[in-house]
Amino acid sequence: QVQLVESGGGLVQPGGSLRLSCAASGISFSFYVVGWYRQAPGKQRELVATSTSGNRRNYADSVKGRFTIDRDNAKNTVYLQMNSLKPEDTAVYYCNAQRPATPLGYWGQGTQVTVSS
């Protein structure tokens, strides 16, 4: 059974930092594009950042220069370092793993990030 478990969310003041983690079991991350998405209340889920198996990274324009995605295939874990957080970054953040050219894709349960003073 495949599981993706996120952790590291919480409440942080504007300008602060958080590091999210997503640990996978039941799959080998090295074969997957892994990424982070987020969904704010009343809005659609949107891409935040992705990392290919070759560690090529892609970021939403809204987070470029502030967020960094890293993967550790040996630990089957993907991280999202979030710096200079803004209130508009408030959302539930979801981890995703997608095996290219296949229908195999998995989601975590989400972790809440709230940026507020």
C-alpha atoms as a PDB file:
ATOM      1  CA  GLN A   1       0.000   0.000   0.000  1.00  0.00           C
ATOM      2  CA  VAL A   2       1.338   3.395  -1.001  1.00  0.00           C
ATOM      3  CA  GLN A   3       1.377   6.203   1.547  1.00  0.00           C
ATOM      4  CA  LEU A   4       2.634   9.760   1.386  1.00  0.00           C
ATOM      5  CA  VAL A   5       2.770  11.475   4.756  1.00  0.00           C
ATOM      6  CA  GLU A   6       3.376  15.198   5.055  1.00  0.00           C
ATOM      7  CA  SER A   7       4.646  16.971   8.144  1.00  0.00           C
ATOM      8  CA  GLY A   8       6.041  20.339   9.169  1.00  0.00           C
ATOM      9  CA  GLY A   9       3.065  22.607   8.694  1.00  0.00           C
ATOM     10  CA  GLY A  10       1.948  25.133  11.269  1.00  0.00           C
ATOM     11  CA  LEU A  11       1.419  28.774  12.117  1.00  0.00           C
ATOM     12  CA  VAL A  12       4.170  31.237  11.239  1.00  0.00           C
ATOM     13  CA  GLN A  13       4.432  35.013  11.126  1.00  0.00           C
ATOM     14  CA  PRO A  14       4.888  36.859   7.836  1.00  0.00           C
ATOM     15  CA  GLY A  15       8.540  36.766   6.827  1.00  0.00           C
ATOM     16  CA  GLY A  16       9.111  33.515   8.664  1.00  0.00           C
ATOM     17  CA  SER A  17      10.153  30.093   7.419  1.00  0.00           C
ATOM     18  CA  LEU A  18       8.840  26.543   7.487  1.00  0.00           C
ATOM     19  CA  ARG A  19      10.149  23.266   6.134  1.00  0.00           C
ATOM     20  CA  LEU A  20       7.670  20.680   4.966  1.00  0.00           C
ATOM     21  CA  SER A  21       8.552  17.011   4.623  1.00  0.00           C
ATOM     22  CA  CYS A  22       6.819  14.229   2.722  1.00  0.00           C
ATOM     23  CA  ALA A  23       7.840  10.653   3.369  1.00  0.00           C
ATOM     24  CA  ALA A  24       6.675   7.908   1.032  1.00  0.00           C
ATOM     25  CA  SER A  25       6.255   4.199   1.593  1.00  0.00           C
ATOM     26  CA  GLY A  26       5.307   1.524  -0.902  1.00  0.00           C
ATOM     27  CA  ILE A  27       6.994   3.199  -3.878  1.00  0.00           C
ATOM     28  CA  SER A  28      10.500   4.165  -4.877  1.00  0.00           C
ATOM     29  CA  PHE A  29      10.730   7.929  -5.244  1.00  0.00           C
ATOM     30  CA  SER A  30      13.575   7.661  -7.715  1.00  0.00           C
ATOM     31  CA  PHE A  31      11.122   6.707 -10.479  1.00  0.00           C
ATOM     32  CA  TYR A  32       8.670   9.526  -9.781  1.00  0.00           C
ATOM     33  CA  VAL A  33       8.212  13.202 -10.387  1.00  0.00           C
ATOM     34  CA  VAL A  34       7.545  14.526  -6.897  1.00  0.00           C
ATOM     35  CA  GLY A  35       5.981  17.797  -6.052  1.00  0.00           C
ATOM     36  CA  TRP A  36       4.088  20.085  -3.754  1.00  0.00           C
ATOM     37  CA  TYR A  37       0.691  21.594  -4.427  1.00  0.00           C
ATOM     38  CA  ARG A  38      -1.473  23.834  -2.290  1.00  0.00           C
ATOM     39  CA  GLN A  39      -5.122  24.710  -1.928  1.00  0.00           C
ATOM     40  CA  ALA A  40      -6.377  27.824  -0.208  1.00  0.00           C
ATOM     41  CA  PRO A  41      -9.993  28.132   0.972  1.00  0.00           C
ATOM     42  CA  GLY A  42     -12.331  28.734  -1.953  1.00  0.00           C
ATOM     43  CA  LYS A  43      -9.569  28.232  -4.522  1.00  0.00           C
ATOM     44  CA  GLN A  44      -8.443  25.432  -6.778  1.00  0.00           C
ATOM     45  CA  ARG A  45      -5.432  23.308  -5.976  1.00  0.00           C
ATOM     46  CA  GLU A  46      -2.328  24.781  -7.595  1.00  0.00           C
ATOM     47  CA  LEU A  47       1.199  23.651  -8.303  1.00  0.00           C
ATOM     48  CA  VAL A  48       3.901  24.995  -6.007  1.00  0.00           C
ATOM     49  CA  ALA A  49       7.019  23.094  -7.062  1.00  0.00           C
ATOM     50  CA  THR A  50       8.060  19.851  -8.711  1.00  0.00           C
ATOM     51  CA  SER A  51      11.255  17.843  -9.021  1.00  0.00           C
ATOM     52  CA  THR A  52      11.898  15.244 -11.705  1.00  0.00           C
ATOM     53  CA  SER A  53      13.818  12.030 -11.167  1.00  0.00           C
ATOM     54  CA  GLY A  54      16.793  13.898 -12.669  1.00  0.00           C
ATOM     55  CA  ASN A  55      16.295  16.617 -10.037  1.00  0.00           C
ATOM     56  CA  ARG A  56      15.118  19.210 -12.533  1.00  0.00           C
ATOM     57  CA  ARG A  57      13.008  21.673 -10.561  1.00  0.00           C
ATOM     58  CA  ASN A  58      10.039  23.767 -11.514  1.00  0.00           C
ATOM     59  CA  TYR A  59       8.384  26.478  -9.437  1.00  0.00           C
ATOM     60  CA  ALA A  60       5.244  28.530  -9.569  1.00  0.00           C
ATOM     61  CA  ASP A  61       6.066  32.173 -10.273  1.00  0.00           C
ATOM     62  CA  SER A  62       4.541  33.175  -6.946  1.00  0.00           C
ATOM     63  CA  VAL A  63       7.138  31.211  -4.958  1.00  0.00           C
ATOM     64  CA  LYS A  64      10.279  31.531  -7.084  1.00  0.00           C
ATOM     65  CA  GLY A  65      13.211  32.766  -5.025  1.00  0.00           C
ATOM     66  CA  ARG A  66      11.431  31.987  -1.751  1.00  0.00           C
ATOM     67  CA  PHE A  67      10.709  28.244  -1.832  1.00  0.00           C
ATOM     68  CA  THR A  68      13.086  25.366  -2.567  1.00  0.00           C
ATOM     69  CA  ILE A  69      12.149  21.767  -3.307  1.00  0.00           C
ATOM     70  CA  ASP A  70      14.647  19.037  -2.483  1.00  0.00           C
ATOM     71  CA  ARG A  71      14.417  15.294  -2.760  1.00  0.00           C
ATOM     72  CA  ASP A  72      16.281  12.489  -1.014  1.00  0.00           C
ATOM     73  CA  ASN A  73      15.612   9.344  -3.001  1.00  0.00           C
ATOM     74  CA  ALA A  74      17.499   7.188  -0.511  1.00  0.00           C
ATOM     75  CA  LYS A  75      15.062   8.283   2.206  1.00  0.00           C
ATOM     76  CA  ASN A  76      12.035   8.393  -0.126  1.00  0.00           C
ATOM     77  CA  THR A  77      11.444  11.904   1.117  1.00  0.00           C
ATOM     78  CA  VAL A  78      10.793  15.262  -0.515  1.00  0.00           C
ATOM     79  CA  TYR A  79      11.127  18.588   1.255  1.00  0.00           C
ATOM     80  CA  LEU A  80       9.820  22.085   0.694  1.00  0.00           C
ATOM     81  CA  GLN A  81      11.806  24.857   2.333  1.00  0.00           C
ATOM     82  CA  MET A  82       9.628  27.949   2.511  1.00  0.00           C
ATOM     83  CA  ASN A  83      11.230  31.295   3.321  1.00  0.00           C
ATOM     84  CA  SER A  84       9.906  34.846   3.403  1.00  0.00           C
ATOM     85  CA  LEU A  85       6.399  33.525   3.895  1.00  0.00           C
ATOM     86  CA  LYS A  86       3.454  35.756   3.069  1.00  0.00           C
ATOM     87  CA  PRO A  87      -0.175  35.631   4.223  1.00  0.00           C
ATOM     88  CA  GLU A  88      -1.147  34.579   0.684  1.00  0.00           C
ATOM     89  CA  ASP A  89       0.916  31.402   1.150  1.00  0.00           C
ATOM     90  CA  THR A  90      -1.699  30.218   3.637  1.00  0.00           C
ATOM     91  CA  ALA A  91      -3.134  26.938   2.362  1.00  0.00           C
ATOM     92  CA  VAL A  92      -3.208  23.209   2.808  1.00  0.00           C
ATOM     93  CA  TYR A  93      -0.042  21.846   1.202  1.00  0.00           C
ATOM     94  CA  TYR A  94      -0.156  18.459  -0.489  1.00  0.00           C
ATOM     95  CA  CYS A  95       2.639  16.159  -1.555  1.00  0.00           C
ATOM     96  CA  ASN A  96       2.311  14.384  -4.896  1.00  0.00           C
ATOM     97  CA  ALA A  97       4.227  11.603  -6.628  1.00  0.00           C
ATOM     98  CA  GLN A  98       3.614  10.894 -10.315  1.00  0.00           C
ATOM     99  CA  ARG A  99       5.313   8.203 -12.355  1.00  0.00           C
ATOM    100  CA  PRO A 100       5.865   9.619 -15.841  1.00  0.00           C
ATOM    101  CA  ALA A 101       4.026   8.061 -18.788  1.00  0.00           C
ATOM    102  CA  THR A 102       1.854   5.980 -16.460  1.00  0.00           C
ATOM    103  CA  PRO A 103      -1.417   6.549 -14.619  1.00  0.00           C
ATOM    104  CA  LEU A 104       0.359   5.981 -11.327  1.00  0.00           C
ATOM    105  CA  GLY A 105      -0.036   8.997  -9.083  1.00  0.00           C
ATOM    106  CA  TYR A 106      -0.406   9.465  -5.359  1.00  0.00           C
ATOM    107  CA  TRP A 107      -1.342  12.245  -2.953  1.00  0.00           C
ATOM    108  CA  GLY A 108      -0.646  12.848   0.693  1.00  0.00           C
ATOM    109  CA  GLN A 109      -3.323  13.897   3.143  1.00  0.00           C
ATOM    110  CA  GLY A 110      -2.134  17.504   3.335  1.00  0.00           C
ATOM    111  CA  THR A 111      -0.623  19.737   5.981  1.00  0.00           C
ATOM    112  CA  GLN A 112      -1.934  23.162   6.952  1.00  0.00           C
ATOM    113  CA  VAL A 113       0.309  26.193   6.624  1.00  0.00           C
ATOM    114  CA  THR A 114      -0.985  29.433   8.086  1.00  0.00           C
ATOM    115  CA  VAL A 115       0.918  32.698   7.724  1.00  0.00           C
ATOM    116  CA  SER A 116      -0.467  35.323  10.051  1.00  0.00           C
ATOM    117  CA  SER A 117       0.611  37.861  12.612  1.00  0.00           C
END
